[in-house]
C-alpha atoms as a PDB file:
ATOM      1  CA  MET A   1       0.157   0.181  -0.019  1.00  0.00           C
ATOM      2  CA  SER A   2       1.319   3.595  -0.923  1.00  0.00           C
ATOM      3  CA  ASP A   3       1.940   6.527   1.642  1.00  0.00           C
ATOM      4  CA  ILE A   4      -1.132   8.412  -0.249  1.00  0.00           C
ATOM      5  CA  ASP A   5      -3.680   5.715   0.346  1.00  0.00           C
ATOM      6  CA  GLU A   6      -1.968   5.489   4.105  1.00  0.00           C
ATOM      7  CA  LYS A   7      -2.318   9.190   4.035  1.00  0.00           C
ATOM      8  CA  MET A   8      -6.034   9.099   2.474  1.00  0.00           C
ATOM      9  CA  LYS A   9      -7.348   6.079   5.149  1.00  0.00           C
ATOM     10  CA  LYS A  10      -5.967   8.404   8.113  1.00  0.00           C
ATOM     11  CA  VAL A  11      -7.676  11.190   6.448  1.00  0.00           C
ATOM     12  CA  TYR A  12     -10.918   9.332   6.711  1.00  0.00           C
ATOM     13  CA  ARG A  13     -10.810   7.750   9.500  1.00  0.00           C
ATOM     14  CA  LEU A  14     -10.264  11.119  11.358  1.00  0.00           C
ATOM     15  CA  ARG A  15     -13.183  12.673   9.451  1.00  0.00           C
ATOM     16  CA  ARG A  16     -15.030   9.741  10.712  1.00  0.00           C
ATOM     17  CA  ALA A  17     -14.066   9.851  14.125  1.00  0.00           C
ATOM     18  CA  ARG A  18     -15.395  13.975  14.218  1.00  0.00           C
ATOM     19  CA  GLN A  19     -18.966  13.242  12.467  1.00  0.00           C
ATOM     20  CA  LEU A  20     -19.457  10.441  15.390  1.00  0.00           C
ATOM     21  CA  ALA A  21     -17.913  12.590  17.960  1.00  0.00           C
ATOM     22  CA  LEU A  22     -20.280  15.739  16.370  1.00  0.00           C
ATOM     23  CA  ALA A  23     -23.393  13.399  16.417  1.00  0.00           C
ATOM     24  CA  ILE A  24     -22.938  12.321  19.967  1.00  0.00           C
ATOM     25  CA  LEU A  25     -23.028  16.054  20.811  1.00  0.00           C
ATOM     26  CA  GLN A  26     -26.053  16.751  18.770  1.00  0.00           C
ATOM     27  CA  ARG A  27     -27.699  13.863  20.683  1.00  0.00           C
ATOM     28  CA  ALA A  28     -26.499  15.152  24.108  1.00  0.00           C
ATOM     29  CA  ARG A  29     -28.053  18.593  23.028  1.00  0.00           C
ATOM     30  CA  ASP A  30     -31.306  17.140  22.234  1.00  0.00           C
ATOM     31  CA  ALA A  31     -31.365  15.055  25.521  1.00  0.00           C
ATOM     32  CA  GLY A  32     -31.437  18.308  27.406  1.00  0.00           C
ATOM     33  CA  ILE A  33     -28.036  17.557  28.764  1.00  0.00           C
ATOM     34  CA  PRO A  34     -26.260  20.979  29.662  1.00  0.00           C
ATOM     35  CA  GLU A  35     -23.035  21.851  27.789  1.00  0.00           C
ATOM     36  CA  GLN A  36     -21.308  22.174  31.143  1.00  0.00           C
ATOM     37  CA  HIS A  37     -22.339  18.504  31.635  1.00  0.00           C
ATOM     38  CA  MET A  38     -20.616  17.094  28.431  1.00  0.00           C
ATOM     39  CA  ARG A  39     -17.890  14.807  28.131  1.00  0.00           C
ATOM     40  CA  ILE A  40     -17.239  14.463  32.042  1.00  0.00           C
ATOM     41  CA  LYS A  41     -14.371  12.217  32.343  1.00  0.00           C
ATOM     42  CA  GLU A  42     -14.171   8.556  33.898  1.00  0.00           C
ATOM     43  CA  GLU A  43     -11.424   9.774  36.563  1.00  0.00           C
ATOM     44  CA  GLU A  44     -13.897  12.464  37.404  1.00  0.00           C
ATOM     45  CA  PHE A  45     -16.734  10.774  37.791  1.00  0.00           C
ATOM     46  CA  LYS A  46     -14.747   8.329  39.827  1.00  0.00           C
ATOM     47  CA  GLU A  47     -14.278  11.102  42.309  1.00  0.00           C
ATOM     48  CA  LEU A  48     -17.999  11.367  42.983  1.00  0.00           C
ATOM     49  CA  ILE A  49     -18.824   7.841  44.127  1.00  0.00           C
ATOM     50  CA  SER A  50     -19.236   7.371  47.763  1.00  0.00           C
ATOM     51  CA  GLU A  51     -16.116   4.792  48.538  1.00  0.00           C
ATOM     52  CA  ASN A  52     -18.348   3.545  51.826  1.00  0.00           C
ATOM     53  CA  PHE A  53     -21.197   3.026  50.035  1.00  0.00           C
ATOM     54  CA  HIS A  54     -19.573   0.763  47.418  1.00  0.00           C
ATOM     55  CA  LYS A  55     -16.518  -1.611  48.991  1.00  0.00           C
ATOM     56  CA  GLU A  56     -16.433  -2.809  45.098  1.00  0.00           C
ATOM     57  CA  GLY A  57     -14.738  -0.435  44.707  1.00  0.00           C
ATOM     58  CA  LYS A  58     -14.969   3.502  43.107  1.00  0.00           C
ATOM     59  CA  ASP A  59     -13.272   1.995  39.376  1.00  0.00           C
ATOM     60  CA  ILE A  60     -15.202  -0.893  39.018  1.00  0.00           C
ATOM     61  CA  VAL A  61     -18.362   1.104  39.547  1.00  0.00           C
ATOM     62  CA  ALA A  62     -17.140   4.175  37.211  1.00  0.00           C
ATOM     63  CA  SER A  63     -15.313   1.571  34.813  1.00  0.00           C
ATOM     64  CA  SER A  64     -18.762  -0.258  35.131  1.00  0.00           C
ATOM     65  CA  ILE A  65     -20.421   2.709  33.049  1.00  0.00           C
ATOM     66  CA  TYR A  66     -17.466   3.960  30.715  1.00  0.00           C
ATOM     67  CA  ASN A  67     -16.136   0.703  29.582  1.00  0.00           C
ATOM     68  CA  GLU A  68     -18.640  -1.959  29.818  1.00  0.00           C
ATOM     69  CA  PRO A  69     -21.854   0.495  28.880  1.00  0.00           C
ATOM     70  CA  ASP A  70     -23.411  -2.294  26.808  1.00  0.00           C
ATOM     71  CA  THR A  71     -24.009  -3.858  30.473  1.00  0.00           C
ATOM     72  CA  MET A  72     -26.184  -1.190  31.707  1.00  0.00           C
ATOM     73  CA  PHE A  73     -28.786  -2.073  29.355  1.00  0.00           C
ATOM     74  CA  ASN A  74     -29.406  -5.249  30.568  1.00  0.00           C
ATOM     75  CA  ARG A  75     -31.019  -3.687  34.085  1.00  0.00           C
ATOM     76  CA  SER A  76     -34.073  -1.467  33.743  1.00  0.00           C
ATOM     77  CA  PHE A  77     -33.007   1.115  36.345  1.00  0.00           C
ATOM     78  CA  ILE A  78     -29.579   3.143  37.357  1.00  0.00           C
ATOM     79  CA  THR A  79     -30.482   5.009  40.649  1.00  0.00           C
ATOM     80  CA  ILE A  80     -28.614   7.458  42.362  1.00  0.00           C
ATOM     81  CA  ASP A  81     -28.504   8.618  45.666  1.00  0.00           C
ATOM     82  CA  GLY A  82     -26.573  10.706  48.464  1.00  0.00           C
ATOM     83  CA  GLY A  83     -24.278  14.122  47.796  1.00  0.00           C
ATOM     84  CA  ASP A  84     -26.177  17.260  46.933  1.00  0.00           C
ATOM     85  CA  VAL A  85     -28.340  17.904  44.479  1.00  0.00           C
ATOM     86  CA  GLU A  86     -25.667  19.214  42.039  1.00  0.00           C
ATOM     87  CA  VAL A  87     -23.624  15.730  42.616  1.00  0.00           C
ATOM     88  CA  ARG A  88     -25.965  13.964  41.848  1.00  0.00           C
ATOM     89  CA  LYS A  89     -26.923  15.819  38.763  1.00  0.00           C
ATOM     90  CA  ARG A  90     -24.075  15.721  37.412  1.00  0.00           C
ATOM     91  CA  ALA A  91     -23.210  11.744  37.810  1.00  0.00           C
ATOM     92  CA  GLY A  92     -27.002  11.451  36.299  1.00  0.00           C
ATOM     93  CA  PHE A  93     -25.563  13.891  33.113  1.00  0.00           C
ATOM     94  CA  ALA A  94     -22.421  11.581  33.098  1.00  0.00           C
ATOM     95  CA  ILE A  95     -24.216   8.190  32.752  1.00  0.00           C
ATOM     96  CA  LEU A  96     -26.664  10.003  30.312  1.00  0.00           C
ATOM     97  CA  PHE A  97     -23.830  11.069  28.032  1.00  0.00           C
ATOM     98  CA  ARG A  98     -21.981   8.075  28.075  1.00  0.00           C
ATOM     99  CA  LEU A  99     -24.707   5.701  26.772  1.00  0.00           C
ATOM    100  CA  ILE A 100     -25.895   7.843  24.518  1.00  0.00           C
ATOM    101  CA  ALA A 101     -22.974   7.732  23.193  1.00  0.00           C
ATOM    102  CA  CYS A 102     -23.902   4.237  22.560  1.00  0.00           C
ATOM    103  CA  ASP A 103     -25.617   5.183  19.720  1.00  0.00           C
ATOM    104  CA  LYS A 104     -28.536   5.482  22.098  1.00  0.00           C
ATOM    105  CA  SER A 105     -31.544   8.224  22.070  1.00  0.00           C
ATOM    106  CA  GLY A 106     -31.972  10.219  25.338  1.00  0.00           C
ATOM    107  CA  PHE A 107     -33.768  12.617  27.616  1.00  0.00           C
ATOM    108  CA  HIS A 108     -33.747  14.125  30.732  1.00  0.00           C
ATOM    109  CA  GLU A 109     -36.701  15.693  32.906  1.00  0.00           C
ATOM    110  CA  ASN A 110     -36.707  16.812  36.754  1.00  0.00           C
ATOM    111  CA  CYS A 111     -39.406  14.534  38.508  1.00  0.00           C
ATOM    112  CA  ALA A 112     -40.467  18.435  39.305  1.00  0.00           C
ATOM    113  CA  SER A 113     -41.630  19.591  36.310  1.00  0.00           C
ATOM    114  CA  LEU A 114     -42.785  16.376  35.026  1.00  0.00           C
ATOM    115  CA  VAL A 115     -45.374  15.996  38.059  1.00  0.00           C
ATOM    116  CA  HIS A 116     -46.288  19.735  37.488  1.00  0.00           C
ATOM    117  CA  LYS A 117     -47.137  18.489  33.937  1.00  0.00           C
ATOM    118  CA  PHE A 118     -48.702  15.541  34.647  1.00  0.00           C
ATOM    119  CA  GLN A 119     -50.946  16.931  37.471  1.00  0.00           C
ATOM    120  CA  SER A 120     -52.066  19.316  34.557  1.00  0.00           C
ATOM    121  CA  PHE A 121     -55.607  18.504  33.223  1.00  0.00           C
ATOM    122  CA  LYS A 122     -55.054  21.267  30.349  1.00  0.00           C
ATOM    123  CA  ALA A 123     -52.441  20.324  27.634  1.00  0.00           C
ATOM    124  CA  THR A 124     -48.946  21.313  28.280  1.00  0.00           C
ATOM    125  CA  GLU A 125     -47.769  23.317  24.982  1.00  0.00           C
ATOM    126  CA  GLY A 126     -49.844  21.546  22.721  1.00  0.00           C
ATOM    127  CA  ILE A 127     -48.830  18.532  24.586  1.00  0.00           C
ATOM    128  CA  SER A 128     -51.567  15.762  26.547  1.00  0.00           C
ATOM    129  CA  ARG A 129     -51.042  14.082  29.322  1.00  0.00           C
ATOM    130  CA  ASN A 130     -50.798  11.021  27.495  1.00  0.00           C
ATOM    131  CA  ASP A 131     -48.918  12.465  24.988  1.00  0.00           C
ATOM    132  CA  LEU A 132     -45.995  12.939  26.894  1.00  0.00           C
ATOM    133  CA  ALA A 133     -45.564   9.468  28.798  1.00  0.00           C
ATOM    134  CA  GLU A 134     -45.840   7.865  24.899  1.00  0.00           C
ATOM    135  CA  SER A 135     -42.815  10.030  24.164  1.00  0.00           C
ATOM    136  CA  LEU A 136     -41.437   9.232  27.398  1.00  0.00           C
ATOM    137  CA  LYS A 137     -41.677   5.791  26.626  1.00  0.00           C
ATOM    138  CA  GLU A 138     -40.013   6.017  23.669  1.00  0.00           C
ATOM    139  CA  TYR A 139     -36.528   6.971  24.481  1.00  0.00           C
ATOM    140  CA  ASP A 140     -33.629   4.207  24.673  1.00  0.00           C
ATOM    141  CA  VAL A 141     -32.365   5.833  27.800  1.00  0.00           C
ATOM    142  CA  LEU A 142     -34.467   8.251  30.104  1.00  0.00           C
ATOM    143  CA  PHE A 143     -32.801  10.592  33.412  1.00  0.00           C
ATOM    144  CA  ILE A 144     -35.726  11.608  36.029  1.00  0.00           C
ATOM    145  CA  SER A 145     -33.847  13.619  38.127  1.00  0.00           C
ATOM    146  CA  GLU A 146     -34.650  14.948  41.918  1.00  0.00           C
ATOM    147  CA  CYS A 147     -37.325  12.876  42.375  1.00  0.00           C
ATOM    148  CA  ARG A 148     -39.044  13.427  46.105  1.00  0.00           C
ATOM    149  CA  ILE A 149     -41.950  11.380  46.881  1.00  0.00           C
ATOM    150  CA  GLN A 150     -43.373  14.175  48.932  1.00  0.00           C
ATOM    151  CA  ILE A 151     -44.104  16.240  45.305  1.00  0.00           C
ATOM    152  CA  PHE A 152     -46.940  13.889  43.990  1.00  0.00           C
ATOM    153  CA  ASN A 153     -50.389  15.155  44.843  1.00  0.00           C
ATOM    154  CA  PRO A 154     -52.976  12.426  46.316  1.00  0.00           C
ATOM    155  CA  SER A 155     -55.677  14.356  44.704  1.00  0.00           C
ATOM    156  CA  HIS A 156     -53.960  14.181  41.011  1.00  0.00           C
ATOM    157  CA  GLU A 157     -53.052  10.892  38.835  1.00  0.00           C
ATOM    158  CA  SER A 158     -49.154  11.846  38.577  1.00  0.00           C
ATOM    159  CA  GLY A 159     -48.302   8.450  40.189  1.00  0.00           C
ATOM    160  CA  SER A 160     -50.359   6.146  37.900  1.00  0.00           C
ATOM    161  CA  PHE A 161     -48.620   8.104  34.748  1.00  0.00           C
ATOM    162  CA  PHE A 162     -45.323   7.168  35.931  1.00  0.00           C
ATOM    163  CA  ASP A 163     -46.220   3.819  36.792  1.00  0.00           C
ATOM    164  CA  GLU A 164     -47.414   3.846  33.305  1.00  0.00           C
ATOM    165  CA  VAL A 165     -44.035   4.726  32.026  1.00  0.00           C
ATOM    166  CA  LEU A 166     -41.752   3.065  34.258  1.00  0.00           C
ATOM    167  CA  GLY A 167     -44.043  -0.172  33.911  1.00  0.00           C
ATOM    168  CA  TYR A 168     -43.979   0.299  30.063  1.00  0.00           C
ATOM    169  CA  ARG A 169     -39.269   1.317  29.445  1.00  0.00           C
ATOM    170  CA  SER A 170     -38.895  -2.106  32.228  1.00  0.00           C
ATOM    171  CA  ASP A 171     -41.400  -4.400  29.808  1.00  0.00           C
ATOM    172  CA  HIS A 172     -39.865  -3.214  26.545  1.00  0.00           C
ATOM    173  CA  ASN A 173     -35.622  -2.971  27.621  1.00  0.00           C
ATOM    174  CA  LYS A 174     -35.773   0.273  28.173  1.00  0.00           C
ATOM    175  CA  LEU A 175     -33.017   2.089  31.150  1.00  0.00           C
ATOM    176  CA  THR A 176     -34.549   4.723  33.273  1.00  0.00           C
ATOM    177  CA  ILE A 177     -31.609   6.734  35.634  1.00  0.00           C
ATOM    178  CA  ILE A 178     -33.773   8.003  38.404  1.00  0.00           C
ATOM    179  CA  SER A 179     -31.803   9.833  41.202  1.00  0.00           C
ATOM    180  CA  PHE A 180     -33.722  10.465  44.310  1.00  0.00           C
ATOM    181  CA  SER A 181     -33.385  14.066  46.765  1.00  0.00           C
ATOM    182  CA  ASP A 182     -33.546  11.693  49.703  1.00  0.00           C
ATOM    183  CA  ALA A 183     -31.593   8.619  50.889  1.00  0.00           C
ATOM    184  CA  ILE A 184     -32.342   5.409  50.063  1.00  0.00           C
ATOM    185  CA  THR A 185     -32.953   3.072  52.385  1.00  0.00           C
ATOM    186  CA  LYS A 186     -33.648  -0.539  53.266  1.00  0.00           C
ATOM    187  CA  ASP A 187     -36.883  -0.139  54.803  1.00  0.00           C
ATOM    188  CA  ASP A 188     -38.243   3.625  54.380  1.00  0.00           C
ATOM    189  CA  PRO A 189     -41.918   3.312  56.392  1.00  0.00           C
ATOM    190  CA  MET A 190     -42.972   6.590  54.803  1.00  0.00           C
ATOM    191  CA  ALA A 191     -42.259   4.796  50.738  1.00  0.00           C
ATOM    192  CA  ARG A 192     -44.017   1.784  51.186  1.00  0.00           C
ATOM    193  CA  LYS A 193     -46.642   3.058  52.810  1.00  0.00           C
ATOM    194  CA  ASP A 194     -47.149   6.205  50.322  1.00  0.00           C
ATOM    195  CA  LYS A 195     -47.813   5.361  46.622  1.00  0.00           C
ATOM    196  CA  ASP A 196     -49.505   8.455  45.664  1.00  0.00           C
ATOM    197  CA  CYS A 197     -45.752   8.617  43.314  1.00  0.00           C
ATOM    198  CA  GLY A 198     -47.013   5.181  42.222  1.00  0.00           C
ATOM    199  CA  GLU A 199     -45.284   1.417  42.441  1.00  0.00           C
ATOM    200  CA  TYR A 200     -42.434   1.621  40.829  1.00  0.00           C
ATOM    201  CA  LEU A 201     -40.975   4.876  42.796  1.00  0.00           C
ATOM    202  CA  SER A 202     -41.939   3.756  46.236  1.00  0.00           C
ATOM    203  CA  THR A 203     -40.179   0.467  45.403  1.00  0.00           C
ATOM    204  CA  LEU A 204     -37.288   1.686  44.100  1.00  0.00           C
ATOM    205  CA  ILE A 205     -36.489   4.023  47.116  1.00  0.00           C
ATOM    206  CA  GLN A 206     -36.153   1.419  48.957  1.00  0.00           C
ATOM    207  CA  ARG A 207     -34.154  -1.335  46.675  1.00  0.00           C
ATOM    208  CA  TYR A 208     -31.144  -0.492  48.264  1.00  0.00           C
ATOM    209  CA  GLU A 209     -28.489  -2.930  46.953  1.00  0.00           C
ATOM    210  CA  THR A 210     -27.633  -3.215  43.300  1.00  0.00           C
ATOM    211  CA  ASP A 211     -30.034  -6.407  41.541  1.00  0.00           C
ATOM    212  CA  ASN A 212     -30.260  -8.108  38.522  1.00  0.00           C
ATOM    213  CA  THR A 213     -33.199  -5.113  37.791  1.00  0.00           C
ATOM    214  CA  VAL A 214     -31.584  -2.466  39.736  1.00  0.00           C
ATOM    215  CA  TYR A 215     -27.957  -0.576  39.618  1.00  0.00           C
ATOM    216  CA  ARG A 216     -27.568   0.984  42.619  1.00  0.00           C
ATOM    217  CA  ILE A 217     -24.777   4.121  42.362  1.00  0.00           C
ATOM    218  CA  ARG A 218     -24.374   6.225  45.649  1.00  0.00           C
ATOM    219  CA  VAL A 219     -22.269   9.768  45.365  1.00  0.00           C
ATOM    220  CA  GLU A 220     -21.154  12.081  47.829  1.00  0.00           C
ATOM    221  CA  GLN A 221     -20.665  15.567  48.351  1.00  0.00           C
ATOM    222  CA  GLU A 222     -17.210  16.435  46.562  1.00  0.00           C
ATOM    223  CA  LYS A 223     -14.059  17.790  48.938  1.00  0.00           C
ATOM    224  CA  LYS A 224     -13.017  20.813  48.951  1.00  0.00           C
ATOM    225  CA  ALA A 225      -9.419  21.321  47.495  1.00  0.00           C
END
């Protein structure tokens, strides 16, 4: 093979890599990932993880997300708790970005915003509650941030809509990332009794450890230098 052919191949590979990178960035924007939360490196993500909770080591958790992302799609949920709102948000966006880089569609929605939309009996920006639920079912990866069961109004049907969306996604092998404002515990009496948020969220707030359905991630507040 001539030097010219080698150079042409190199140019093609660089052009292809650039096209793929631009496509991933566009999917990230379409998913609603803020610019400052794109392209978070594995080393930075690792520093967000709680070493006290993850006895297997922060390296293994970070590597599972960054180097074996396909294994995440074998589960229905990734749940995040601990730290503060900014740490949870950064961890969730890091995971969402990494997973949509696997040629997947993705979307982020804040839980309070979603609850408000589902509690409204009128169409939001021309989209009905049923249309919104249908759209959320279809993304390959959905990130719902800052869930709190206390924000659900018992006089509305938000919990039912959440169950409809999460149930469909679980049944059809679509991964959902959920971050919780409150710590996930093994046996939360409030979560067990309060089903206003729906069966799925009230159960997930008690799924303390990783299992075949849920991949658990606990983060911690970033240490000040």
